[in-house]
Amino acid sequence: MRAAALCGLLLAGCGSAGVTELPPPAEPARSPALERPPAGRVLALGGQPEGLAVEPASGVVAVGVREPAALVLVDGRALRVRRRVELPGPPRHLAAAAGRFLVPAEPADRYVEVTPAGAVATNVATGHWPHDVATVGGRVFLSDEGAASLSVIENGRRSASVAVAAEPGGLGAAGGLLAVVSVRERVLELYDAETLRRVARAPAGIGPTHVAVAGAWAYVVDTDGGALLVFATAPRLELRRRYPLPGSPYGVALDPVHRRLWVTLTGRNELVELPAHGRPHALRRFATVRQPDSVAIDSSSGRVFVTGRADGVLQALDPEREAGR
């Protein structure tokens, strides 16, 4: 009865429509031709780069490319390619944790860990179509977008599978909670990373895609709705603010050191900086490369990296330097 009451409170009619009746998930806008030169510097990579992560201790930036499927390791300070590591399939998202890059190889249904030096440390099977990755308390979680599940990786093996809402996409984690945006059902779910039980669920806009979590706040990118949705995660999951971001917002990254959010606008070839608190608002905007689907931060330096899928490039910019020009 308690679960049913929570469902009614948060979903206002959950279970009333089958998954097949729901519209398709949101996609980034097809970016127009560049009208302004991108801020910072640009490195040619090729291969339609999308996935992106930074390992702050080494300064290495990992970029996932599609043609052929590989992880390109870039010296983020000198902005030069160090190595290319072959992958079983191209990743859409990457993360960095414990001195390794965490790589969901989507079409191969595999999870791979790669060191900043380029050694493959882990290669295990996942659920169908692993899309995003996050870590909580030593566990690695993957959103199996094609299987409505989460794969849990522990000690180099898949230890559990957790059923979630249809087509889980973006993941975020903080304080023992895992946030999951299911892009087909258009909901945000919170899971206890220890017990693997769902603790809350709420509607998440018109077409959500990604999420970032900081403290008691979860920031959901509503791509089709052109907005950033700000949820309080405690004492209960509750939508507190909808901040308009016209231009098909898509990629999102959190800088926990400087308490900043970075969101890409694929319809405008633009990057927006916002404070990571309960009332985020645009602080600065920077011109990006074309089709800026992913963004990542080197928290040790504040340098921001953006992939340009359309032209096969990686952009690196130092916000303070660019703002002073």
Protein backbone atom coordinates (compact mmCIF):
# COMPACT_ATOMS: atom_id res chain seq x y z
CA MET A 1 0.00 0.00 0.00
CA ARG A 2 2.85 2.35 0.82
CA ALA A 3 4.48 1.69 -2.58
CA ALA A 4 1.19 2.30 -4.35
CA ALA A 5 0.68 5.56 -2.49
CA LEU A 6 4.20 6.74 -3.36
CA CYS A 7 3.60 5.85 -6.99
CA GLY A 8 0.41 7.88 -7.07
CA LEU A 9 2.02 10.85 -5.35
CA LEU A 10 5.10 11.06 -7.55
CA LEU A 11 3.85 9.82 -10.89
CA ALA A 12 0.27 11.05 -11.00
CA GLY A 13 -0.89 7.89 -12.70
CA CYS A 14 2.13 5.62 -13.18
CA GLY A 15 1.49 2.41 -15.06
CA SER A 16 -1.36 3.95 -17.08
CA ALA A 17 0.49 3.64 -20.39
CA GLY A 18 2.51 0.77 -21.82
CA VAL A 19 6.09 1.38 -22.84
CA THR A 20 5.27 0.78 -26.50
CA GLU A 21 2.74 3.63 -26.34
CA LEU A 22 5.33 6.14 -25.21
CA PRO A 23 7.08 8.46 -27.71
CA PRO A 24 10.72 7.73 -28.57
CA PRO A 25 13.48 9.12 -26.35
CA ALA A 26 14.84 12.61 -26.87
CA GLU A 27 17.88 13.11 -29.09
CA PRO A 28 20.27 16.07 -29.35
CA ALA A 29 19.56 18.66 -31.99
CA ARG A 30 21.44 18.40 -35.25
CA SER A 31 23.81 21.30 -34.80
CA PRO A 32 23.91 24.10 -37.37
CA ALA A 33 27.06 25.33 -39.08
CA LEU A 34 29.36 27.31 -36.81
CA GLU A 35 28.66 31.02 -36.64
CA ARG A 36 31.49 31.79 -34.17
CA PRO A 37 34.94 30.30 -33.76
CA PRO A 38 35.08 27.85 -30.84
CA ALA A 39 36.63 29.13 -27.63
CA GLY A 40 40.02 27.73 -26.64
CA ARG A 41 41.88 25.17 -28.73
CA VAL A 42 40.70 22.36 -31.00
CA LEU A 43 42.34 18.97 -31.64
CA ALA A 44 41.41 16.82 -34.63
CA LEU A 45 40.59 13.20 -33.70
CA GLY A 46 38.24 11.83 -36.36
CA GLY A 47 35.81 8.98 -35.73
CA GLN A 48 32.74 10.88 -34.48
CA PRO A 49 33.88 11.42 -30.86
CA GLU A 50 31.24 11.35 -28.14
CA GLY A 51 32.16 9.71 -24.81
CA LEU A 52 34.46 11.87 -22.68
CA ALA A 53 36.16 11.70 -19.27
CA VAL A 54 39.16 13.22 -17.47
CA GLU A 55 41.49 11.50 -15.00
CA PRO A 56 42.69 14.50 -12.92
CA ALA A 57 45.79 12.93 -11.36
CA SER A 58 47.40 12.22 -14.73
CA GLY A 59 45.70 14.96 -16.73
CA VAL A 60 44.74 12.38 -19.34
CA VAL A 61 41.49 12.87 -21.26
CA ALA A 62 39.76 9.80 -22.68
CA VAL A 63 37.59 10.21 -25.76
CA GLY A 64 35.42 7.47 -27.23
CA VAL A 65 35.36 7.32 -31.05
CA ARG A 66 33.30 5.18 -33.39
CA GLU A 67 35.26 4.62 -36.60
CA PRO A 68 36.93 2.35 -35.63
CA ALA A 69 35.74 1.81 -32.05
CA ALA A 70 38.53 3.05 -29.80
CA LEU A 71 39.44 5.02 -26.72
CA VAL A 72 41.68 7.95 -27.66
CA LEU A 73 43.92 9.00 -24.77
CA VAL A 74 44.85 12.67 -24.95
CA ASP A 75 47.32 14.69 -22.90
CA GLY A 76 44.83 17.25 -21.64
CA ARG A 77 47.49 19.82 -20.79
CA ALA A 78 49.48 19.71 -24.02
CA LEU A 79 46.40 18.73 -26.07
CA ARG A 80 48.03 15.97 -28.06
CA VAL A 81 47.09 12.34 -28.68
CA ARG A 82 49.09 9.85 -26.60
CA ARG A 83 47.54 6.54 -27.59
CA ARG A 84 44.55 4.80 -29.13
CA VAL A 85 43.14 1.72 -27.43
CA GLU A 86 40.96 -0.67 -29.44
CA LEU A 87 37.52 -1.34 -27.94
CA PRO A 88 34.96 -4.11 -28.59
CA GLY A 89 32.38 -1.41 -29.39
CA PRO A 90 32.12 2.39 -29.31
CA PRO A 91 31.07 4.05 -26.03
CA ARG A 92 28.49 6.80 -25.69
CA HIS A 93 29.58 7.79 -22.17
CA LEU A 94 32.73 7.41 -20.09
CA ALA A 95 33.74 8.04 -16.49
CA ALA A 96 36.97 8.10 -14.51
CA ALA A 97 37.43 6.61 -11.05
CA ALA A 98 40.25 5.10 -8.97
CA GLY A 99 42.82 5.89 -11.64
CA ARG A 100 40.97 4.14 -14.47
CA PHE A 101 38.62 5.01 -17.28
CA LEU A 102 35.26 3.23 -17.12
CA VAL A 103 34.00 2.34 -20.59
CA PRO A 104 30.56 0.93 -21.51
CA ALA A 105 30.97 -0.50 -25.02
CA GLU A 106 27.35 -0.12 -26.12
CA PRO A 107 26.81 -2.42 -29.14
CA ALA A 108 29.16 -5.11 -27.76
CA ASP A 109 27.35 -5.40 -24.39
CA ARG A 110 30.71 -5.17 -22.62
CA TYR A 111 32.24 -3.11 -19.83
CA VAL A 112 35.94 -2.25 -20.10
CA GLU A 113 38.34 -0.52 -17.74
CA VAL A 114 41.40 1.20 -19.19
CA THR A 115 44.32 2.79 -17.34
CA PRO A 116 45.60 6.26 -18.32
CA ALA A 117 48.62 4.46 -19.82
CA GLY A 118 46.34 2.48 -22.12
CA ALA A 119 46.27 -0.96 -20.48
CA VAL A 120 42.95 -2.84 -20.50
CA ALA A 121 42.36 -3.92 -16.89
CA THR A 122 38.78 -5.30 -17.06
CA ASN A 123 36.55 -6.64 -19.84
CA VAL A 124 33.23 -8.20 -18.73
CA ALA A 125 29.74 -8.82 -20.12
CA THR A 126 26.85 -6.47 -19.23
CA GLY A 127 23.16 -6.22 -19.95
CA HIS A 128 21.98 -5.13 -23.38
CA TRP A 129 23.30 -1.80 -24.69
CA PRO A 130 25.21 -0.33 -21.69
CA HIS A 131 24.87 3.42 -22.11
CA ASP A 132 26.19 5.33 -19.08
CA VAL A 133 28.34 4.50 -16.07
CA ALA A 134 28.70 5.71 -12.47
CA THR A 135 30.39 4.50 -9.29
CA VAL A 136 29.16 4.40 -5.69
CA GLY A 137 31.07 2.88 -2.78
CA GLY A 138 33.36 0.76 -4.94
CA ARG A 139 30.55 -0.58 -7.11
CA VAL A 140 30.27 0.27 -10.79
CA PHE A 141 26.77 0.75 -12.23
CA LEU A 142 25.88 0.67 -15.92
CA SER A 143 22.55 1.70 -17.42
CA ASP A 144 21.54 -1.12 -19.78
CA GLU A 145 19.42 1.03 -22.05
CA GLY A 146 18.19 -1.88 -24.16
CA ALA A 147 17.27 -4.06 -21.19
CA ALA A 148 15.54 -1.73 -18.67
CA SER A 149 18.14 -2.70 -16.09
CA LEU A 150 21.29 -1.71 -14.26
CA SER A 151 24.35 -3.93 -14.35
CA VAL A 152 26.38 -3.94 -11.13
CA ILE A 153 30.10 -4.65 -11.49
CA GLU A 154 32.13 -5.70 -8.45
CA ASN A 155 35.63 -7.16 -8.30
CA GLY A 156 35.84 -7.40 -12.06
CA ARG A 157 32.58 -9.29 -12.59
CA ARG A 158 28.88 -8.62 -13.04
CA SER A 159 27.43 -9.32 -9.60
CA ALA A 160 23.81 -8.20 -10.03
CA SER A 161 21.17 -6.86 -12.40
CA VAL A 162 18.54 -4.41 -11.16
CA ALA A 163 15.25 -3.77 -12.98
CA VAL A 164 14.53 -0.08 -13.64
CA ALA A 165 12.18 2.02 -15.77
CA ALA A 166 12.27 1.66 -19.56
CA GLU A 167 15.45 2.68 -21.38
CA PRO A 168 17.71 3.91 -18.58
CA GLY A 169 20.05 6.55 -19.96
CA GLY A 170 21.89 9.05 -17.78
CA LEU A 171 23.35 8.09 -14.41
CA GLY A 172 24.59 10.21 -11.49
CA ALA A 173 25.68 9.41 -7.96
CA ALA A 174 26.28 11.09 -4.60
CA GLY A 175 25.92 10.27 -0.92
CA GLY A 176 25.15 6.58 -1.38
CA LEU A 177 22.36 7.26 -3.89
CA LEU A 178 22.30 6.41 -7.58
CA ALA A 179 20.17 8.62 -9.83
CA VAL A 180 18.79 7.05 -13.02
CA VAL A 181 17.07 8.92 -15.84
CA SER A 182 14.97 6.54 -17.92
CA VAL A 183 14.63 8.29 -21.24
CA ARG A 184 11.64 6.34 -22.56
CA GLU A 185 9.46 6.53 -19.44
CA ARG A 186 10.75 10.05 -18.76
CA VAL A 187 11.28 9.54 -15.05
CA LEU A 188 14.02 10.10 -12.50
CA GLU A 189 14.57 7.21 -10.08
CA LEU A 190 16.77 7.07 -6.98
CA TYR A 191 18.31 3.80 -5.78
CA ASP A 192 20.11 2.94 -2.58
CA ALA A 193 23.52 1.88 -3.88
CA GLU A 194 24.01 -0.54 -0.98
CA THR A 195 20.68 -2.39 -0.94
CA LEU A 196 19.93 -1.80 -4.65
CA ARG A 197 16.35 -0.86 -3.74
CA ARG A 198 14.48 1.99 -5.35
CA VAL A 199 13.75 4.73 -2.82
CA ALA A 200 12.03 7.39 -4.95
CA ARG A 201 10.69 8.13 -8.41
CA ALA A 202 9.36 11.28 -10.10
CA PRO A 203 8.40 12.55 -13.57
CA ALA A 204 11.34 14.23 -15.30
CA GLY A 205 10.14 16.58 -18.01
CA ILE A 206 9.28 16.22 -21.68
CA GLY A 207 12.42 14.50 -22.94
CA PRO A 208 15.12 14.00 -20.30
CA THR A 209 18.49 12.54 -21.26
CA HIS A 210 21.19 13.05 -18.62
CA VAL A 211 21.66 13.78 -14.93
CA ALA A 212 24.34 15.15 -12.60
CA VAL A 213 24.19 14.88 -8.81
CA ALA A 214 25.77 17.16 -6.20
CA GLY A 215 24.98 16.72 -2.52
CA ALA A 216 21.22 16.80 -2.09
CA TRP A 217 20.59 18.11 -5.62
CA ALA A 218 19.98 16.23 -8.85
CA TYR A 219 20.14 18.17 -12.12
CA VAL A 220 18.26 16.59 -15.03
CA VAL A 221 18.78 17.82 -18.57
CA ASP A 222 15.39 18.01 -20.30
CA THR A 223 16.55 18.02 -23.91
CA ASP A 224 13.14 18.20 -25.59
CA GLY A 225 11.85 20.60 -22.93
CA GLY A 226 14.80 23.00 -23.31
CA ALA A 227 15.45 23.19 -19.59
CA LEU A 228 17.49 22.13 -16.59
CA LEU A 229 15.31 20.47 -13.94
CA VAL A 230 16.51 20.88 -10.35
CA PHE A 231 15.41 18.15 -7.93
CA ALA A 232 15.94 18.02 -4.19
CA THR A 233 16.80 14.43 -3.25
CA ALA A 234 16.28 14.88 0.51
CA PRO A 235 14.25 14.69 2.63
CA ARG A 236 12.24 13.51 -0.38
CA LEU A 237 12.59 13.61 -4.15
CA GLU A 238 10.95 16.84 -5.29
CA LEU A 239 11.20 19.10 -8.34
CA ARG A 240 12.22 22.52 -7.05
CA ARG A 241 13.08 24.51 -10.16
CA ARG A 242 12.87 24.46 -13.94
CA TYR A 243 15.51 26.71 -15.50
CA PRO A 244 15.02 27.39 -19.23
CA LEU A 245 17.95 26.50 -21.50
CA PRO A 246 16.71 26.92 -25.08
CA GLY A 247 18.83 25.25 -27.73
CA SER A 248 18.46 21.50 -27.06
CA PRO A 249 20.57 21.03 -23.91
CA TYR A 250 22.24 17.64 -23.90
CA GLY A 251 25.71 17.05 -22.43
CA VAL A 252 26.19 17.82 -18.72
CA ALA A 253 29.17 17.69 -16.37
CA LEU A 254 29.65 18.62 -12.74
CA ASP A 255 32.80 20.22 -11.32
CA PRO A 256 32.63 19.30 -7.61
CA VAL A 257 35.70 21.37 -6.73
CA HIS A 258 34.47 24.66 -8.14
CA ARG A 259 30.77 23.80 -7.67
CA ARG A 260 29.88 24.40 -11.27
CA LEU A 261 27.61 22.75 -13.82
CA TRP A 262 28.44 22.74 -17.51
CA VAL A 263 25.70 22.06 -20.09
CA THR A 264 26.04 21.90 -23.87
CA LEU A 265 23.39 23.34 -26.19
CA THR A 266 23.52 21.25 -29.35
CA GLY A 267 21.09 23.48 -31.23
CA ARG A 268 23.34 26.52 -30.70
CA ASN A 269 26.88 25.11 -30.55
CA GLU A 270 27.19 26.63 -27.10
CA LEU A 271 28.42 25.74 -23.61
CA VAL A 272 26.72 27.20 -20.52
CA GLU A 273 28.27 27.54 -17.06
CA LEU A 274 25.92 27.48 -14.05
CA PRO A 275 26.42 27.34 -10.26
CA ALA A 276 25.70 23.93 -8.73
CA HIS A 277 23.18 24.82 -6.04
CA GLY A 278 19.41 25.00 -5.66
CA ARG A 279 18.91 27.93 -8.04
CA PRO A 280 21.31 27.47 -10.96
CA HIS A 281 21.41 30.19 -13.62
CA ALA A 282 23.62 30.99 -16.58
CA LEU A 283 26.87 32.62 -15.52
CA ARG A 284 28.82 32.51 -18.78
CA ARG A 285 28.42 31.12 -22.26
CA PHE A 286 31.13 29.93 -24.65
CA ALA A 287 31.11 29.05 -28.35
CA THR A 288 31.77 25.36 -28.97
CA VAL A 289 32.70 23.04 -31.78
CA ARG A 290 29.88 21.65 -33.90
CA GLN A 291 27.64 18.97 -32.38
CA PRO A 292 28.82 19.33 -28.77
CA ASP A 293 27.27 16.12 -27.43
CA SER A 294 29.63 15.59 -24.46
CA VAL A 295 31.44 17.74 -21.91
CA ALA A 296 33.90 16.87 -19.12
CA ILE A 297 35.90 18.84 -16.54
CA ASP A 298 39.43 18.55 -15.23
CA SER A 299 38.60 19.59 -11.66
CA SER A 300 42.28 20.03 -10.80
CA SER A 301 42.69 22.84 -13.32
CA GLY A 302 39.14 23.91 -14.21
CA ARG A 303 39.79 23.17 -17.89
CA VAL A 304 36.68 22.14 -19.82
CA PHE A 305 36.63 19.64 -22.71
CA VAL A 306 33.90 19.27 -25.33
CA THR A 307 33.55 16.75 -28.14
CA GLY A 308 32.56 17.90 -31.61
CA ARG A 309 31.00 14.85 -33.23
CA ALA A 310 30.21 16.48 -36.57
CA ASP A 311 33.82 17.39 -37.37
CA GLY A 312 35.61 14.75 -35.30
CA VAL A 313 37.33 17.13 -32.88
CA LEU A 314 38.02 17.77 -29.20
CA GLN A 315 37.79 21.28 -27.77
CA ALA A 316 39.72 22.42 -24.69
CA LEU A 317 39.05 25.75 -23.03
CA ASP A 318 40.11 27.53 -19.86
CA PRO A 319 37.04 29.52 -18.75
CA GLU A 320 38.88 32.24 -16.85
CA ARG A 321 41.29 32.88 -19.70
CA GLU A 322 38.52 32.95 -22.29
CA ALA A 323 36.34 35.25 -20.19
CA GLY A 324 39.19 37.73 -19.93
CA ARG A 325 39.60 38.09 -23.69
